[in-house]
C-alpha atoms as a PDB file:
ATOM      1  CA  MET A   1     -18.253 -19.667  -1.518  1.00  0.00           C
ATOM      2  CA  LYS A   2     -14.464 -19.153  -1.470  1.00  0.00           C
ATOM      3  CA  ASN A   3     -12.181 -22.248  -1.913  1.00  0.00           C
ATOM      4  CA  GLU A   4      -9.182 -22.282   0.212  1.00  0.00           C
ATOM      5  CA  ALA A   5      -7.069 -23.937  -2.694  1.00  0.00           C
ATOM      6  CA  ASP A   6      -7.613 -21.168  -4.878  1.00  0.00           C
ATOM      7  CA  THR A   7      -5.861 -18.608  -2.486  1.00  0.00           C
ATOM      8  CA  ARG A   8      -1.916 -18.196  -2.530  1.00  0.00           C
ATOM      9  CA  SER A   9       0.196 -16.226  -0.227  1.00  0.00           C
ATOM     10  CA  TYR A  10       3.561 -14.504  -1.105  1.00  0.00           C
ATOM     11  CA  ARG A  11       5.844 -12.916   1.591  1.00  0.00           C
ATOM     12  CA  LEU A  12       6.349  -9.256   0.208  1.00  0.00           C
ATOM     13  CA  ILE A  13       8.255  -7.976   3.316  1.00  0.00           C
ATOM     14  CA  ASN A  14       9.888  -9.731   6.161  1.00  0.00           C
ATOM     15  CA  GLY A  15      12.653  -8.025   8.176  1.00  0.00           C
ATOM     16  CA  VAL A  16      14.090  -5.697  10.787  1.00  0.00           C
ATOM     17  CA  PHE A  17      14.985  -1.939   9.250  1.00  0.00           C
ATOM     18  CA  TYR A  18      16.305   1.144  10.532  1.00  0.00           C
ATOM     19  CA  PRO A  19      13.939   3.864  10.034  1.00  0.00           C
ATOM     20  CA  GLU A  20      15.575   5.381   7.126  1.00  0.00           C
ATOM     21  CA  GLU A  21      15.328   1.748   5.404  1.00  0.00           C
ATOM     22  CA  ALA A  22      11.584   1.346   6.610  1.00  0.00           C
ATOM     23  CA  ASN A  23      10.759   5.150   5.350  1.00  0.00           C
ATOM     24  CA  GLN A  24      12.119   4.354   1.668  1.00  0.00           C
ATOM     25  CA  LEU A  25      10.586   1.129   1.565  1.00  0.00           C
ATOM     26  CA  LEU A  26       7.009   1.903   2.858  1.00  0.00           C
ATOM     27  CA  MET A  27       6.916   5.234   1.137  1.00  0.00           C
ATOM     28  CA  THR A  28       7.753   3.838  -2.124  1.00  0.00           C
ATOM     29  CA  LEU A  29       5.312   1.087  -1.751  1.00  0.00           C
ATOM     30  CA  ILE A  30       2.690   3.556  -0.768  1.00  0.00           C
ATOM     31  CA  GLU A  31       3.348   6.091  -3.488  1.00  0.00           C
ATOM     32  CA  ASP A  32       3.272   3.393  -6.058  1.00  0.00           C
ATOM     33  CA  LYS A  33      -0.280   2.374  -5.109  1.00  0.00           C
ATOM     34  CA  ILE A  34      -1.291   6.131  -5.214  1.00  0.00           C
ATOM     35  CA  SER A  35       0.212   6.513  -8.528  1.00  0.00           C
ATOM     36  CA  PHE A  36      -1.633   3.486  -9.776  1.00  0.00           C
ATOM     37  CA  HIS A  37      -4.760   4.793  -8.697  1.00  0.00           C
ATOM     38  CA  GLN A  38      -4.186   8.351  -9.968  1.00  0.00           C
ATOM     39  CA  ARG A  39      -3.475   6.779 -13.582  1.00  0.00           C
ATOM     40  CA  ASN A  40      -6.596   4.738 -13.014  1.00  0.00           C
ATOM     41  CA  ASN A  41      -8.745   7.983 -12.379  1.00  0.00           C
ATOM     42  CA  TRP A  42      -7.147   9.991 -15.242  1.00  0.00           C
ATOM     43  CA  SER A  43      -7.635   7.095 -17.764  1.00  0.00           C
ATOM     44  CA  ARG A  44     -11.440   6.831 -16.511  1.00  0.00           C
ATOM     45  CA  ARG A  45     -11.751  10.884 -16.841  1.00  0.00           C
ATOM     46  CA  GLU A  46     -10.479  10.627 -20.373  1.00  0.00           C
ATOM     47  CA  ARG A  47     -12.355   7.782 -21.382  1.00  0.00           C
ATOM     48  CA  PHE A  48     -15.690   8.599 -19.879  1.00  0.00           C
ATOM     49  CA  GLY A  49     -15.387  12.117 -18.370  1.00  0.00           C
ATOM     50  CA  GLU A  50     -15.869  10.588 -14.671  1.00  0.00           C
ATOM     51  CA  THR A  51     -13.558  10.053 -11.930  1.00  0.00           C
ATOM     52  CA  ASP A  52     -13.386   6.383 -10.353  1.00  0.00           C
ATOM     53  CA  PRO A  53     -14.982   6.795  -7.032  1.00  0.00           C
ATOM     54  CA  ALA A  54     -13.176   3.885  -5.461  1.00  0.00           C
ATOM     55  CA  SER A  55      -9.882   5.181  -6.748  1.00  0.00           C
ATOM     56  CA  ALA A  56     -10.543   8.537  -5.500  1.00  0.00           C
ATOM     57  CA  ARG A  57     -11.394   7.128  -2.058  1.00  0.00           C
ATOM     58  CA  ARG A  58      -8.465   4.639  -2.105  1.00  0.00           C
ATOM     59  CA  ILE A  59      -5.922   7.627  -2.751  1.00  0.00           C
ATOM     60  CA  SER A  60      -7.426   9.386   0.248  1.00  0.00           C
ATOM     61  CA  GLU A  61      -7.007   6.248   2.403  1.00  0.00           C
ATOM     62  CA  LEU A  62      -3.478   5.833   1.260  1.00  0.00           C
ATOM     63  CA  ARG A  63      -2.420   9.346   2.056  1.00  0.00           C
ATOM     64  CA  GLN A  64      -3.799   8.873   5.366  1.00  0.00           C
ATOM     65  CA  THR A  65      -1.917   5.619   5.984  1.00  0.00           C
ATOM     66  CA  LYS A  66       1.639   7.421   4.594  1.00  0.00           C
ATOM     67  CA  GLY A  67       0.787  10.108   7.104  1.00  0.00           C
ATOM     68  CA  ASP A  68       0.359   7.846   9.953  1.00  0.00           C
ATOM     69  CA  MET A  69       3.416   5.479   8.776  1.00  0.00           C
ATOM     70  CA  ALA A  70       5.625   8.562   8.778  1.00  0.00           C
ATOM     71  CA  ALA A  71       4.720   9.468  12.195  1.00  0.00           C
ATOM     72  CA  LEU A  72       5.559   5.929  13.355  1.00  0.00           C
ATOM     73  CA  ILE A  73       9.014   5.833  11.457  1.00  0.00           C
ATOM     74  CA  ALA A  74       9.711   9.267  13.219  1.00  0.00           C
ATOM     75  CA  GLU A  75       8.756   8.032  16.281  1.00  0.00           C
ATOM     76  CA  ALA A  76      11.284   5.280  16.171  1.00  0.00           C
ATOM     77  CA  ALA A  77      13.944   7.289  14.835  1.00  0.00           C
ATOM     78  CA  ALA A  78      13.501   9.488  17.723  1.00  0.00           C
ATOM     79  CA  ALA A  79      13.666   6.727  19.995  1.00  0.00           C
ATOM     80  CA  GLY A  80      16.489   5.053  18.497  1.00  0.00           C
ATOM     81  CA  MET A  81      14.560   2.150  17.547  1.00  0.00           C
ATOM     82  CA  LYS A  82      14.263  -0.198  14.514  1.00  0.00           C
ATOM     83  CA  LEU A  83      11.114  -1.378  12.812  1.00  0.00           C
ATOM     84  CA  THR A  84      10.043  -5.114  12.258  1.00  0.00           C
ATOM     85  CA  ILE A  85       8.012  -5.164   9.355  1.00  0.00           C
ATOM     86  CA  SER A  86       6.138  -8.256   7.735  1.00  0.00           C
ATOM     87  CA  GLY A  87       3.795  -7.966   4.860  1.00  0.00           C
ATOM     88  CA  ASN A  88       2.057 -10.723   3.125  1.00  0.00           C
ATOM     89  CA  ILE A  89       0.214 -10.537  -0.221  1.00  0.00           C
ATOM     90  CA  GLU A  90      -2.801 -13.226  -0.587  1.00  0.00           C
ATOM     91  CA  ILE A  91      -4.199 -13.526  -3.914  1.00  0.00           C
ATOM     92  CA  THR A  92      -7.187 -15.515  -4.652  1.00  0.00           C
ATOM     93  CA  LEU A  93      -8.372 -16.688  -7.870  1.00  0.00           C
ATOM     94  CA  THR A  94     -11.882 -15.103  -8.497  1.00  0.00           C
ATOM     95  CA  PRO A  95     -14.439 -16.208 -11.289  1.00  0.00           C
ATOM     96  CA  GLU A  96     -15.699 -13.213 -13.169  1.00  0.00           C
END
């Protein structure tokens, strides 16, 4: 059972951004996550001769998210709007 005292929340993003700023911020975050999973996959292939199915699936999900976000940002830019972005990271201490 999860103990709420073991969960901590950190505000990572909170603000209103022009489309260009939002694009740079969000695409950098997603690309870093994709790179993390690509390195994980490469490491597993080198060590064990197989890919990590969880990382492969996550890369696919992140690429879809990247496309969805790019479309939303383009929509905001075309309409002359800004984007309000807020993102929290929750970390829970979990026993092995």
